[in-house]
Amino acid sequence: MNQSVKEYVEQKVKELINAHSCSPEAKAAGQEWLDALGTEKEDEQTGKLIAELEQDIIPVDSLIAFAGSGAGVQVFGEELAPKVEAHAKELKASGAQYCDCPACAACLAILEKKEELLGN
C-alpha cells in the first residue's frame, strides 16, 4: 500500500475509534491495526480490520428498519427514534447505501480503499 493511502486510512481509523457510534469490536480492530502499522502483523491486522468493518457498517435499509422498531426505540428513545428513521429514509432517497453516523462514515471511507489496503 502506498504511503498516502496508509496515511489516509490511519486518519480514518482514528476517526472511527473516536466516534461515539463505534462498536467495541471495531474500536479494538482499529486500535490493533494502528498498533500493527510497520510491523510484520500489519497485513494480518489489515485483513481483520476490513472484515470487522464489513460486518459493522450499517446499510441504510437496516437503519430504517431498526430505527422504526421497538428495539430502535429502546436504543434511541421515543423522541429520537422517529427522527433517526426519517433521516435514514432521506439518506436512502438521496441514493446513500449506508448510515452516515461518524462510525459508518469512517468505515465507508476505509472500505473504499479496501483493494489498495489489501494490495489487490
PDB file of N, CA and C in Angstrom:
ATOM      1  N   MET A   1       0.859  -1.172   0.000  1.00  0.00           N
ATOM      2  CA  MET A   1       0.000   0.000   0.000  1.00  0.00           C
ATOM      3  C   MET A   1       0.897   1.224   0.000  1.00  0.00           C
ATOM      4  N   ASN A   2       0.505   2.219  -0.781  1.00  0.00           N
ATOM      5  CA  ASN A   2       1.356   3.407  -0.843  1.00  0.00           C
ATOM      6  C   ASN A   2       1.162   4.278   0.400  1.00  0.00           C
ATOM      7  N   GLN A   3       2.120   5.131   0.636  1.00  0.00           N
ATOM      8  CA  GLN A   3       2.156   5.917   1.871  1.00  0.00           C
ATOM      9  C   GLN A   3       0.954   6.851   2.006  1.00  0.00           C
ATOM     10  N   SER A   4       0.499   7.451   0.923  1.00  0.00           N
ATOM     11  CA  SER A   4      -0.643   8.371   1.035  1.00  0.00           C
ATOM     12  C   SER A   4      -1.920   7.629   1.411  1.00  0.00           C
ATOM     13  N   VAL A   5      -2.107   6.427   0.887  1.00  0.00           N
ATOM     14  CA  VAL A   5      -3.271   5.616   1.264  1.00  0.00           C
ATOM     15  C   VAL A   5      -3.163   5.225   2.732  1.00  0.00           C
ATOM     16  N   LYS A   6      -1.986   4.816   3.154  1.00  0.00           N
ATOM     17  CA  LYS A   6      -1.778   4.421   4.546  1.00  0.00           C
ATOM     18  C   LYS A   6      -2.091   5.584   5.490  1.00  0.00           C
ATOM     19  N   GLU A   7      -1.613   6.774   5.150  1.00  0.00           N
ATOM     20  CA  GLU A   7      -1.863   7.940   5.996  1.00  0.00           C
ATOM     21  C   GLU A   7      -3.348   8.302   6.026  1.00  0.00           C
ATOM     22  N   TYR A   8      -4.010   8.206   4.882  1.00  0.00           N
ATOM     23  CA  TYR A   8      -5.442   8.486   4.804  1.00  0.00           C
ATOM     24  C   TYR A   8      -6.221   7.505   5.682  1.00  0.00           C
ATOM     25  N   VAL A   9      -5.921   6.221   5.522  1.00  0.00           N
ATOM     26  CA  VAL A   9      -6.633   5.196   6.292  1.00  0.00           C
ATOM     27  C   VAL A   9      -6.310   5.331   7.774  1.00  0.00           C
ATOM     28  N   GLU A  10      -5.077   5.647   8.106  1.00  0.00           N
ATOM     29  CA  GLU A  10      -4.717   5.837   9.508  1.00  0.00           C
ATOM     30  C   GLU A  10      -5.581   6.946  10.130  1.00  0.00           C
ATOM     31  N   GLN A  11      -5.760   8.043   9.416  1.00  0.00           N
ATOM     32  CA  GLN A  11      -6.604   9.137   9.912  1.00  0.00           C
ATOM     33  C   GLN A  11      -8.051   8.678  10.075  1.00  0.00           C
ATOM     34  N   LYS A  12      -8.559   7.929   9.098  1.00  0.00           N
ATOM     35  CA  LYS A  12      -9.945   7.454   9.163  1.00  0.00           C
ATOM     36  C   LYS A  12     -10.132   6.435  10.287  1.00  0.00           C
ATOM     37  N   VAL A  13      -9.141   5.603  10.537  1.00  0.00           N
ATOM     38  CA  VAL A  13      -9.225   4.645  11.650  1.00  0.00           C
ATOM     39  C   VAL A  13      -9.261   5.402  12.976  1.00  0.00           C
ATOM     40  N   LYS A  14      -8.486   6.447  13.088  1.00  0.00           N
ATOM     41  CA  LYS A  14      -8.521   7.253  14.310  1.00  0.00           C
ATOM     42  C   LYS A  14      -9.892   7.907  14.484  1.00  0.00           C
ATOM     43  N   GLU A  15     -10.472   8.398  13.393  1.00  0.00           N
ATOM     44  CA  GLU A  15     -11.824   8.960  13.460  1.00  0.00           C
ATOM     45  C   GLU A  15     -12.817   7.887  13.893  1.00  0.00           C
ATOM     46  N   LEU A  16     -12.661   6.692  13.342  1.00  0.00           N
ATOM     47  CA  LEU A  16     -13.550   5.585  13.672  1.00  0.00           C
ATOM     48  C   LEU A  16     -13.503   5.269  15.164  1.00  0.00           C
ATOM     49  N   ILE A  17     -12.315   5.075  15.699  1.00  0.00           N
ATOM     50  CA  ILE A  17     -12.231   4.639  17.094  1.00  0.00           C
ATOM     51  C   ILE A  17     -12.633   5.755  18.062  1.00  0.00           C
ATOM     52  N   ASN A  18     -12.625   6.992  17.602  1.00  0.00           N
ATOM     53  CA  ASN A  18     -13.073   8.107  18.438  1.00  0.00           C
ATOM     54  C   ASN A  18     -14.557   8.431  18.272  1.00  0.00           C
ATOM     55  N   ALA A  19     -15.225   7.772  17.342  1.00  0.00           N
ATOM     56  CA  ALA A  19     -16.641   8.030  17.090  1.00  0.00           C
ATOM     57  C   ALA A  19     -17.496   7.448  18.207  1.00  0.00           C
ATOM     58  N   HIS A  20     -18.455   8.224  18.678  1.00  0.00           N
ATOM     59  CA  HIS A  20     -19.354   7.750  19.744  1.00  0.00           C
ATOM     60  C   HIS A  20     -20.179   6.542  19.294  1.00  0.00           C
ATOM     61  N   SER A  21     -20.395   6.406  18.010  1.00  0.00           N
ATOM     62  CA  SER A  21     -21.229   5.333  17.482  1.00  0.00           C
ATOM     63  C   SER A  21     -20.442   4.090  17.085  1.00  0.00           C
ATOM     64  N   CYS A  22     -19.158   4.059  17.373  1.00  0.00           N
ATOM     65  CA  CYS A  22     -18.317   2.923  17.007  1.00  0.00           C
ATOM     66  C   CYS A  22     -18.521   1.765  17.974  1.00  0.00           C
ATOM     67  N   SER A  23     -18.639   0.562  17.421  1.00  0.00           N
ATOM     68  CA  SER A  23     -18.790  -0.626  18.263  1.00  0.00           C
ATOM     69  C   SER A  23     -17.476  -0.951  18.966  1.00  0.00           C
ATOM     70  N   PRO A  24     -17.555  -1.633  20.103  1.00  0.00           N
ATOM     71  CA  PRO A  24     -16.323  -2.039  20.791  1.00  0.00           C
ATOM     72  C   PRO A  24     -15.428  -2.911  19.915  1.00  0.00           C
ATOM     73  N   GLU A  25     -16.044  -3.760  19.094  1.00  0.00           N
ATOM     74  CA  GLU A  25     -15.269  -4.656  18.229  1.00  0.00           C
ATOM     75  C   GLU A  25     -14.504  -3.867  17.158  1.00  0.00           C
ATOM     76  N   ALA A  26     -15.159  -2.858  16.586  1.00  0.00           N
ATOM     77  CA  ALA A  26     -14.487  -2.034  15.568  1.00  0.00           C
ATOM     78  C   ALA A  26     -13.394  -1.187  16.209  1.00  0.00           C
ATOM     79  N   LYS A  27     -13.650  -0.681  17.421  1.00  0.00           N
ATOM     80  CA  LYS A  27     -12.606   0.079  18.130  1.00  0.00           C
ATOM     81  C   LYS A  27     -11.378  -0.796  18.338  1.00  0.00           C
ATOM     82  N   ALA A  28     -11.599  -2.029  18.776  1.00  0.00           N
ATOM     83  CA  ALA A  28     -10.485  -2.945  19.028  1.00  0.00           C
ATOM     84  C   ALA A  28      -9.737  -3.265  17.733  1.00  0.00           C
ATOM     85  N   ALA A  29     -10.479  -3.560  16.664  1.00  0.00           N
ATOM     86  CA  ALA A  29      -9.836  -3.872  15.384  1.00  0.00           C
ATOM     87  C   ALA A  29      -9.052  -2.671  14.867  1.00  0.00           C
ATOM     88  N   GLY A  30      -9.603  -1.493  15.025  1.00  0.00           N
ATOM     89  CA  GLY A  30      -8.913  -0.279  14.599  1.00  0.00           C
ATOM     90  C   GLY A  30      -7.638  -0.049  15.377  1.00  0.00           C
ATOM     91  N   GLN A  31      -7.708  -0.210  16.690  1.00  0.00           N
ATOM     92  CA  GLN A  31      -6.517   0.002  17.519  1.00  0.00           C
ATOM     93  C   GLN A  31      -5.455  -1.051  17.232  1.00  0.00           C
ATOM     94  N   GLU A  32      -5.886  -2.290  17.028  1.00  0.00           N
ATOM     95  CA  GLU A  32      -4.931  -3.352  16.702  1.00  0.00           C
ATOM     96  C   GLU A  32      -4.252  -3.074  15.368  1.00  0.00           C
ATOM     97  N   TRP A  33      -5.013  -2.526  14.406  1.00  0.00           N
ATOM     98  CA  TRP A  33      -4.420  -2.169  13.116  1.00  0.00           C
ATOM     99  C   TRP A  33      -3.399  -1.051  13.297  1.00  0.00           C
ATOM    100  N   LEU A  34      -3.776  -0.019  14.044  1.00  0.00           N
ATOM    101  CA  LEU A  34      -2.833   1.084  14.290  1.00  0.00           C
ATOM    102  C   LEU A  34      -1.564   0.578  14.961  1.00  0.00           C
ATOM    103  N   ASP A  35      -1.728  -0.303  15.945  1.00  0.00           N
ATOM    104  CA  ASP A  35      -0.571  -0.848  16.669  1.00  0.00           C
ATOM    105  C   ASP A  35       0.328  -1.699  15.766  1.00  0.00           C
ATOM    106  N   ALA A  36      -0.261  -2.305  14.730  1.00  0.00           N
ATOM    107  CA  ALA A  36       0.490  -3.201  13.847  1.00  0.00           C
ATOM    108  C   ALA A  36       1.173  -2.474  12.689  1.00  0.00           C
ATOM    109  N   LEU A  37       0.858  -1.201  12.482  1.00  0.00           N
ATOM    110  CA  LEU A  37       1.476  -0.473  11.371  1.00  0.00           C
ATOM    111  C   LEU A  37       2.991  -0.565  11.442  1.00  0.00           C
ATOM    112  N   GLY A  38       3.600  -0.923  10.316  1.00  0.00           N
ATOM    113  CA  GLY A  38       5.049  -1.007  10.250  1.00  0.00           C
ATOM    114  C   GLY A  38       5.645  -2.269  10.842  1.00  0.00           C
ATOM    115  N   THR A  39       4.798  -3.210  11.240  1.00  0.00           N
ATOM    116  CA  THR A  39       5.288  -4.467  11.804  1.00  0.00           C
ATOM    117  C   THR A  39       4.926  -5.619  10.870  1.00  0.00           C
ATOM    118  N   GLU A  40       5.416  -6.802  11.214  1.00  0.00           N
ATOM    119  CA  GLU A  40       5.086  -7.991  10.419  1.00  0.00           C
ATOM    120  C   GLU A  40       3.618  -8.381  10.545  1.00  0.00           C
ATOM    121  N   LYS A  41       2.913  -7.805  11.487  1.00  0.00           N
ATOM    122  CA  LYS A  41       1.491  -8.123  11.676  1.00  0.00           C
ATOM    123  C   LYS A  41       0.558  -7.182  10.909  1.00  0.00           C
ATOM    124  N   GLU A  42       1.114  -6.227  10.204  1.00  0.00           N
ATOM    125  CA  GLU A  42       0.292  -5.233   9.519  1.00  0.00           C
ATOM    126  C   GLU A  42      -0.678  -5.871   8.519  1.00  0.00           C
ATOM    127  N   ASP A  43      -0.208  -6.776   7.682  1.00  0.00           N
ATOM    128  CA  ASP A  43      -1.086  -7.397   6.685  1.00  0.00           C
ATOM    129  C   ASP A  43      -2.205  -8.195   7.351  1.00  0.00           C
ATOM    130  N   GLU A  44      -1.854  -8.945   8.378  1.00  0.00           N
ATOM    131  CA  GLU A  44      -2.859  -9.741   9.103  1.00  0.00           C
ATOM    132  C   GLU A  44      -3.914  -8.832   9.733  1.00  0.00           C
ATOM    133  N   GLN A  45      -3.472  -7.761  10.376  1.00  0.00           N
ATOM    134  CA  GLN A  45      -4.410  -6.851  11.031  1.00  0.00           C
ATOM    135  C   GLN A  45      -5.230  -6.067  10.010  1.00  0.00           C
ATOM    136  N   THR A  46      -4.673  -5.817   8.847  1.00  0.00           N
ATOM    137  CA  THR A  46      -5.435  -5.150   7.789  1.00  0.00           C
ATOM    138  C   THR A  46      -6.609  -6.025   7.387  1.00  0.00           C
ATOM    139  N   GLY A  47      -6.368  -7.308   7.197  1.00  0.00           N
ATOM    140  CA  GLY A  47      -7.450  -8.234   6.854  1.00  0.00           C
ATOM    141  C   GLY A  47      -8.511  -8.290   7.937  1.00  0.00           C
ATOM    142  N   LYS A  48      -8.083  -8.300   9.187  1.00  0.00           N
ATOM    143  CA  LYS A  48      -9.031  -8.341  10.302  1.00  0.00           C
ATOM    144  C   LYS A  48      -9.836  -7.045  10.392  1.00  0.00           C
ATOM    145  N   LEU A  49      -9.181  -5.921  10.147  1.00  0.00           N
ATOM    146  CA  LEU A  49      -9.881  -4.637  10.169  1.00  0.00           C
ATOM    147  C   LEU A  49     -10.952  -4.599   9.084  1.00  0.00           C
ATOM    148  N   ILE A  50     -10.594  -4.969   7.875  1.00  0.00           N
ATOM    149  CA  ILE A  50     -11.556  -4.960   6.766  1.00  0.00           C
ATOM    150  C   ILE A  50     -12.736  -5.865   7.084  1.00  0.00           C
ATOM    151  N   ALA A  51     -12.478  -7.059   7.578  1.00  0.00           N
ATOM    152  CA  ALA A  51     -13.561  -7.997   7.907  1.00  0.00           C
ATOM    153  C   ALA A  51     -14.495  -7.402   8.960  1.00  0.00           C
ATOM    154  N   GLU A  52     -13.940  -6.771   9.974  1.00  0.00           N
ATOM    155  CA  GLU A  52     -14.768  -6.169  11.029  1.00  0.00           C
ATOM    156  C   GLU A  52     -15.601  -5.022  10.477  1.00  0.00           C
ATOM    157  N   LEU A  53     -15.008  -4.172   9.666  1.00  0.00           N
ATOM    158  CA  LEU A  53     -15.741  -3.025   9.131  1.00  0.00           C
ATOM    159  C   LEU A  53     -16.856  -3.465   8.195  1.00  0.00           C
ATOM    160  N   GLU A  54     -16.614  -4.522   7.440  1.00  0.00           N
ATOM    161  CA  GLU A  54     -17.666  -5.036   6.552  1.00  0.00           C
ATOM    162  C   GLU A  54     -18.857  -5.560   7.353  1.00  0.00           C
ATOM    163  N   GLN A  55     -18.600  -6.045   8.551  1.00  0.00           N
ATOM    164  CA  GLN A  55     -19.684  -6.503   9.421  1.00  0.00           C
ATOM    165  C   GLN A  55     -20.388  -5.345  10.115  1.00  0.00           C
ATOM    166  N   ASP A  56     -19.643  -4.290  10.426  1.00  0.00           N
ATOM    167  CA  ASP A  56     -20.172  -3.216  11.259  1.00  0.00           C
ATOM    168  C   ASP A  56     -20.903  -2.115  10.505  1.00  0.00           C
ATOM    169  N   ILE A  57     -20.534  -1.854   9.260  1.00  0.00           N
ATOM    170  CA  ILE A  57     -21.168  -0.754   8.540  1.00  0.00           C
ATOM    171  C   ILE A  57     -22.659  -1.080   8.348  1.00  0.00           C
ATOM    172  N   ILE A  58     -23.506  -0.111   8.624  1.00  0.00           N
ATOM    173  CA  ILE A  58     -24.951  -0.348   8.631  1.00  0.00           C
ATOM    174  C   ILE A  58     -25.578   0.084   7.306  1.00  0.00           C
ATOM    175  N   PRO A  59     -26.143  -0.866   6.554  1.00  0.00           N
ATOM    176  CA  PRO A  59     -26.873  -0.479   5.344  1.00  0.00           C
ATOM    177  C   PRO A  59     -28.063   0.404   5.720  1.00  0.00           C
ATOM    178  N   VAL A  60     -28.360   1.352   4.882  1.00  0.00           N
ATOM    179  CA  VAL A  60     -29.416   2.317   5.188  1.00  0.00           C
ATOM    180  C   VAL A  60     -30.765   1.618   5.393  1.00  0.00           C
ATOM    181  N   ASP A  61     -31.046   0.568   4.648  1.00  0.00           N
ATOM    182  CA  ASP A  61     -32.311  -0.153   4.843  1.00  0.00           C
ATOM    183  C   ASP A  61     -32.377  -0.791   6.233  1.00  0.00           C
ATOM    184  N   SER A  62     -31.257  -1.268   6.719  1.00  0.00           N
ATOM    185  CA  SER A  62     -31.225  -1.839   8.067  1.00  0.00           C
ATOM    186  C   SER A  62     -31.438  -0.756   9.118  1.00  0.00           C
ATOM    187  N   LEU A  63     -30.870   0.416   8.888  1.00  0.00           N
ATOM    188  CA  LEU A  63     -31.064   1.531   9.819  1.00  0.00           C
ATOM    189  C   LEU A  63     -32.527   1.940   9.857  1.00  0.00           C
ATOM    190  N   ILE A  64     -33.163   2.011   8.697  1.00  0.00           N
ATOM    191  CA  ILE A  64     -34.594   2.358   8.642  1.00  0.00           C
ATOM    192  C   ILE A  64     -35.400   1.349   9.442  1.00  0.00           C
ATOM    193  N   ALA A  65     -35.154   0.076   9.193  1.00  0.00           N
ATOM    194  CA  ALA A  65     -35.901  -0.975   9.887  1.00  0.00           C
ATOM    195  C   ALA A  65     -35.656  -0.933  11.387  1.00  0.00           C
ATOM    196  N   PHE A  66     -34.402  -0.751  11.787  1.00  0.00           N
ATOM    197  CA  PHE A  66     -34.078  -0.739  13.210  1.00  0.00           C
ATOM    198  C   PHE A  66     -34.679   0.468  13.913  1.00  0.00           C
ATOM    199  N   ALA A  67     -34.492   1.637  13.332  1.00  0.00           N
ATOM    200  CA  ALA A  67     -34.996   2.859  13.976  1.00  0.00           C
ATOM    201  C   ALA A  67     -36.510   2.827  14.125  1.00  0.00           C
ATOM    202  N   GLY A  68     -37.190   2.153  13.217  1.00  0.00           N
ATOM    203  CA  GLY A  68     -38.646   2.069  13.283  1.00  0.00           C
ATOM    204  C   GLY A  68     -39.170   0.919  14.124  1.00  0.00           C
ATOM    205  N   SER A  69     -38.273   0.181  14.758  1.00  0.00           N
ATOM    206  CA  SER A  69     -38.681  -0.987  15.554  1.00  0.00           C
ATOM    207  C   SER A  69     -38.698  -0.660  17.044  1.00  0.00           C
ATOM    208  N   GLY A  70     -39.241  -1.574  17.814  1.00  0.00           N
ATOM    209  CA  GLY A  70     -39.216  -1.432  19.271  1.00  0.00           C
ATOM    210  C   GLY A  70     -37.800  -1.383  19.815  1.00  0.00           C
ATOM    211  N   ALA A  71     -36.911  -2.176  19.225  1.00  0.00           N
ATOM    212  CA  ALA A  71     -35.507  -2.158  19.656  1.00  0.00           C
ATOM    213  C   ALA A  71     -34.877  -0.804  19.359  1.00  0.00           C
ATOM    214  N   GLY A  72     -35.235  -0.219  18.226  1.00  0.00           N
ATOM    215  CA  GLY A  72     -34.726   1.111  17.886  1.00  0.00           C
ATOM    216  C   GLY A  72     -35.187   2.159  18.877  1.00  0.00           C
ATOM    217  N   VAL A  73     -36.444   2.052  19.304  1.00  0.00           N
ATOM    218  CA  VAL A  73     -36.970   2.985  20.306  1.00  0.00           C
ATOM    219  C   VAL A  73     -36.221   2.813  21.624  1.00  0.00           C
ATOM    220  N   GLN A  74     -35.901   1.577  21.983  1.00  0.00           N
ATOM    221  CA  GLN A  74     -35.146   1.337  23.211  1.00  0.00           C
ATOM    222  C   GLN A  74     -33.755   1.955  23.141  1.00  0.00           C
ATOM    223  N   VAL A  75     -33.118   1.880  21.981  1.00  0.00           N
ATOM    224  CA  VAL A  75     -31.759   2.405  21.830  1.00  0.00           C
ATOM    225  C   VAL A  75     -31.775   3.933  21.692  1.00  0.00           C
ATOM    226  N   PHE A  76     -32.613   4.440  20.810  1.00  0.00           N
ATOM    227  CA  PHE A  76     -32.614   5.875  20.508  1.00  0.00           C
ATOM    228  C   PHE A  76     -33.550   6.695  21.385  1.00  0.00           C
ATOM    229  N   GLY A  77     -34.544   6.044  21.967  1.00  0.00           N
ATOM    230  CA  GLY A  77     -35.548   6.754  22.750  1.00  0.00           C
ATOM    231  C   GLY A  77     -36.756   7.094  21.885  1.00  0.00           C
ATOM    232  N   GLU A  78     -37.893   7.327  22.551  1.00  0.00           N
ATOM    233  CA  GLU A  78     -39.148   7.567  21.823  1.00  0.00           C
ATOM    234  C   GLU A  78     -39.108   8.833  20.983  1.00  0.00           C
ATOM    235  N   GLU A  79     -38.364   9.814  21.437  1.00  0.00           N
ATOM    236  CA  GLU A  79     -38.313  11.082  20.710  1.00  0.00           C
ATOM    237  C   GLU A  79     -37.350  11.025  19.520  1.00  0.00           C
ATOM    238  N   LEU A  80     -36.209  10.376  19.714  1.00  0.00           N
ATOM    239  CA  LEU A  80     -35.180  10.381  18.682  1.00  0.00           C
ATOM    240  C   LEU A  80     -35.389   9.306  17.615  1.00  0.00           C
ATOM    241  N   ALA A  81     -35.947   8.168  17.972  1.00  0.00           N
ATOM    242  CA  ALA A  81     -36.086   7.063  17.015  1.00  0.00           C
ATOM    243  C   ALA A  81     -36.810   7.480  15.733  1.00  0.00           C
ATOM    244  N   PRO A  82     -37.948   8.184  15.815  1.00  0.00           N
ATOM    245  CA  PRO A  82     -38.612   8.592  14.563  1.00  0.00           C
ATOM    246  C   PRO A  82     -37.759   9.562  13.740  1.00  0.00           C
ATOM    247  N   LYS A  83     -36.963  10.376  14.410  1.00  0.00           N
ATOM    248  CA  LYS A  83     -36.084  11.305  13.695  1.00  0.00           C
ATOM    249  C   LYS A  83     -34.971  10.545  12.979  1.00  0.00           C
ATOM    250  N   VAL A  84     -34.421   9.526  13.641  1.00  0.00           N
ATOM    251  CA  VAL A  84     -33.386   8.707  13.010  1.00  0.00           C
ATOM    252  C   VAL A  84     -33.982   7.972  11.810  1.00  0.00           C
ATOM    253  N   GLU A  85     -35.180   7.436  11.975  1.00  0.00           N
ATOM    254  CA  GLU A  85     -35.833   6.731  10.870  1.00  0.00           C
ATOM    255  C   GLU A  85     -36.073   7.676   9.695  1.00  0.00           C
ATOM    256  N   ALA A  86     -36.573   8.876   9.977  1.00  0.00           N
ATOM    257  CA  ALA A  86     -36.826   9.855   8.912  1.00  0.00           C
ATOM    258  C   ALA A  86     -35.514  10.241   8.220  1.00  0.00           C
ATOM    259  N   HIS A  87     -34.473  10.446   9.008  1.00  0.00           N
ATOM    260  CA  HIS A  87     -33.165  10.786   8.432  1.00  0.00           C
ATOM    261  C   HIS A  87     -32.670   9.659   7.533  1.00  0.00           C
ATOM    262  N   ALA A  88     -32.821   8.424   7.990  1.00  0.00           N
ATOM    263  CA  ALA A  88     -32.379   7.276   7.200  1.00  0.00           C
ATOM    264  C   ALA A  88     -33.161   7.187   5.891  1.00  0.00           C
ATOM    265  N   LYS A  89     -34.447   7.498   5.943  1.00  0.00           N
ATOM    266  CA  LYS A  89     -35.248   7.490   4.712  1.00  0.00           C
ATOM    267  C   LYS A  89     -34.785   8.591   3.756  1.00  0.00           C
ATOM    268  N   GLU A  90     -34.394   9.733   4.303  1.00  0.00           N
ATOM    269  CA  GLU A  90     -33.845  10.811   3.472  1.00  0.00           C
ATOM    270  C   GLU A  90     -32.519  10.373   2.838  1.00  0.00           C
ATOM    271  N   LEU A  91     -31.702   9.695   3.626  1.00  0.00           N
ATOM    272  CA  LEU A  91     -30.444   9.183   3.087  1.00  0.00           C
ATOM    273  C   LEU A  91     -30.699   8.251   1.913  1.00  0.00           C
ATOM    274  N   LYS A  92     -31.639   7.337   2.106  1.00  0.00           N
ATOM    275  CA  LYS A  92     -31.959   6.378   1.044  1.00  0.00           C
ATOM    276  C   LYS A  92     -32.466   7.106  -0.191  1.00  0.00           C
ATOM    277  N   ALA A  93     -33.335   8.072   0.005  1.00  0.00           N
ATOM    278  CA  ALA A  93     -33.886   8.827  -1.124  1.00  0.00           C
ATOM    279  C   ALA A  93     -32.798   9.570  -1.887  1.00  0.00           C
ATOM    280  N   SER A  94     -31.742   9.954  -1.188  1.00  0.00           N
ATOM    281  CA  SER A  94     -30.635  10.671  -1.839  1.00  0.00           C
ATOM    282  C   SER A  94     -29.650   9.714  -2.515  1.00  0.00           C
ATOM    283  N   GLY A  95     -29.885   8.420  -2.370  1.00  0.00           N
ATOM    284  CA  GLY A  95     -29.022   7.432  -3.013  1.00  0.00           C
ATOM    285  C   GLY A  95     -27.975   6.814  -2.115  1.00  0.00           C
ATOM    286  N   ALA A  96     -27.937   7.216  -0.846  1.00  0.00           N
ATOM    287  CA  ALA A  96     -26.948   6.652   0.074  1.00  0.00           C
ATOM    288  C   ALA A  96     -27.243   5.177   0.313  1.00  0.00           C
ATOM    289  N   GLN A  97     -26.198   4.414   0.462  1.00  0.00           N
ATOM    290  CA  GLN A  97     -26.356   2.986   0.736  1.00  0.00           C
ATOM    291  C   GLN A  97     -26.149   2.645   2.199  1.00  0.00           C
ATOM    292  N   TYR A  98     -25.484   3.566   2.934  1.00  0.00           N
ATOM    293  CA  TYR A  98     -25.125   3.271   4.315  1.00  0.00           C
ATOM    294  C   TYR A  98     -25.507   4.408   5.243  1.00  0.00           C
ATOM    295  N   CYS A  99     -25.587   4.076   6.515  1.00  0.00           N
ATOM    296  CA  CYS A  99     -25.765   5.053   7.580  1.00  0.00           C
ATOM    297  C   CYS A  99     -24.652   6.091   7.473  1.00  0.00           C
ATOM    298  N   ASP A 100     -24.942   7.312   7.907  1.00  0.00           N
ATOM    299  CA  ASP A 100     -23.923   8.363   7.827  1.00  0.00           C
ATOM    300  C   ASP A 100     -23.435   8.825   9.200  1.00  0.00           C
ATOM    301  N   CYS A 101     -23.657   8.001  10.233  1.00  0.00           N
ATOM    302  CA  CYS A 101     -23.113   8.355  11.552  1.00  0.00           C
ATOM    303  C   CYS A 101     -21.592   8.407  11.440  1.00  0.00           C
ATOM    304  N   PRO A 102     -20.907   9.011  12.402  1.00  0.00           N
ATOM    305  CA  PRO A 102     -19.444   9.120  12.303  1.00  0.00           C
ATOM    306  C   PRO A 102     -18.729   7.777  12.122  1.00  0.00           C
ATOM    307  N   ALA A 103     -19.175   6.744  12.807  1.00  0.00           N
ATOM    308  CA  ALA A 103     -18.505   5.446  12.680  1.00  0.00           C
ATOM    309  C   ALA A 103     -18.727   4.851  11.293  1.00  0.00           C
ATOM    310  N   CYS A 104     -19.954   4.876  10.812  1.00  0.00           N
ATOM    311  CA  CYS A 104     -20.231   4.310   9.481  1.00  0.00           C
ATOM    312  C   CYS A 104     -19.560   5.123   8.384  1.00  0.00           C
ATOM    313  N   ALA A 105     -19.503   6.434   8.540  1.00  0.00           N
ATOM    314  CA  ALA A 105     -18.824   7.273   7.549  1.00  0.00           C
ATOM    315  C   ALA A 105     -17.339   6.919   7.485  1.00  0.00           C
ATOM    316  N   ALA A 106     -16.723   6.697   8.634  1.00  0.00           N
ATOM    317  CA  ALA A 106     -15.310   6.302   8.658  1.00  0.00           C
ATOM    318  C   ALA A 106     -15.137   4.906   8.064  1.00  0.00           C
ATOM    319  N   CYS A 107     -16.045   3.985   8.407  1.00  0.00           N
ATOM    320  CA  CYS A 107     -15.995   2.630   7.831  1.00  0.00           C
ATOM    321  C   CYS A 107     -16.032   2.701   6.311  1.00  0.00           C
ATOM    322  N   LEU A 108     -16.967   3.464   5.784  1.00  0.00           N
ATOM    323  CA  LEU A 108     -17.119   3.570   4.339  1.00  0.00           C
ATOM    324  C   LEU A 108     -15.854   4.137   3.707  1.00  0.00           C
ATOM    325  N   ALA A 109     -15.298   5.172   4.294  1.00  0.00           N
ATOM    326  CA  ALA A 109     -14.072   5.777   3.754  1.00  0.00           C
ATOM    327  C   ALA A 109     -12.926   4.762   3.724  1.00  0.00           C
ATOM    328  N   ILE A 110     -12.823   3.953   4.760  1.00  0.00           N
ATOM    329  CA  ILE A 110     -11.765   2.936   4.822  1.00  0.00           C
ATOM    330  C   ILE A 110     -12.038   1.833   3.802  1.00  0.00           C
ATOM    331  N   LEU A 111     -13.294   1.374   3.763  1.00  0.00           N
ATOM    332  CA  LEU A 111     -13.637   0.287   2.837  1.00  0.00           C
ATOM    333  C   LEU A 111     -13.486   0.698   1.381  1.00  0.00           C
ATOM    334  N   GLU A 112     -13.612   1.975   1.092  1.00  0.00           N
ATOM    335  CA  GLU A 112     -13.388   2.445  -0.281  1.00  0.00           C
ATOM    336  C   GLU A 112     -11.926   2.275  -0.694  1.00  0.00           C
ATOM    337  N   LYS A 113     -11.039   2.093   0.257  1.00  0.00           N
ATOM    338  CA  LYS A 113      -9.612   1.859  -0.004  1.00  0.00           C
ATOM    339  C   LYS A 113      -9.236   0.389   0.167  1.00  0.00           C
ATOM    340  N   LYS A 114     -10.232  -0.481   0.256  1.00  0.00           N
ATOM    341  CA  LYS A 114     -10.004  -1.901   0.528  1.00  0.00           C
ATOM    342  C   LYS A 114      -9.002  -2.535  -0.429  1.00  0.00           C
ATOM    343  N   GLU A 115      -9.207  -2.354  -1.718  1.00  0.00           N
ATOM    344  CA  GLU A 115      -8.321  -3.003  -2.696  1.00  0.00           C
ATOM    345  C   GLU A 115      -6.873  -2.544  -2.517  1.00  0.00           C
ATOM    346  N   GLU A 116      -6.679  -1.258  -2.286  1.00  0.00           N
ATOM    347  CA  GLU A 116      -5.329  -0.738  -2.075  1.00  0.00           C
ATOM    348  C   GLU A 116      -4.742  -1.246  -0.758  1.00  0.00           C
ATOM    349  N   LEU A 117      -5.589  -1.345   0.274  1.00  0.00           N
ATOM    350  CA  LEU A 117      -5.121  -1.843   1.565  1.00  0.00           C
ATOM    351  C   LEU A 117      -4.661  -3.291   1.473  1.00  0.00           C
ATOM    352  N   LEU A 118      -5.416  -4.066   0.716  1.00  0.00           N
ATOM    353  CA  LEU A 118      -5.113  -5.496   0.605  1.00  0.00           C
ATOM    354  C   LEU A 118      -4.089  -5.792  -0.493  1.00  0.00           C
ATOM    355  N   GLY A 119      -3.678  -4.746  -1.223  1.00  0.00           N
ATOM    356  CA  GLY A 119      -2.669  -4.912  -2.248  1.00  0.00           C
ATOM    357  C   GLY A 119      -3.180  -5.591  -3.508  1.00  0.00           C
ATOM    358  N   ASN A 120      -4.495  -5.471  -3.732  1.00  0.00           N
ATOM    359  CA  ASN A 120      -5.084  -6.092  -4.942  1.00  0.00           C
ATOM    360  C   ASN A 120      -5.121  -5.135  -6.099  1.00  0.00           C
TER     361      ASN A 120
END
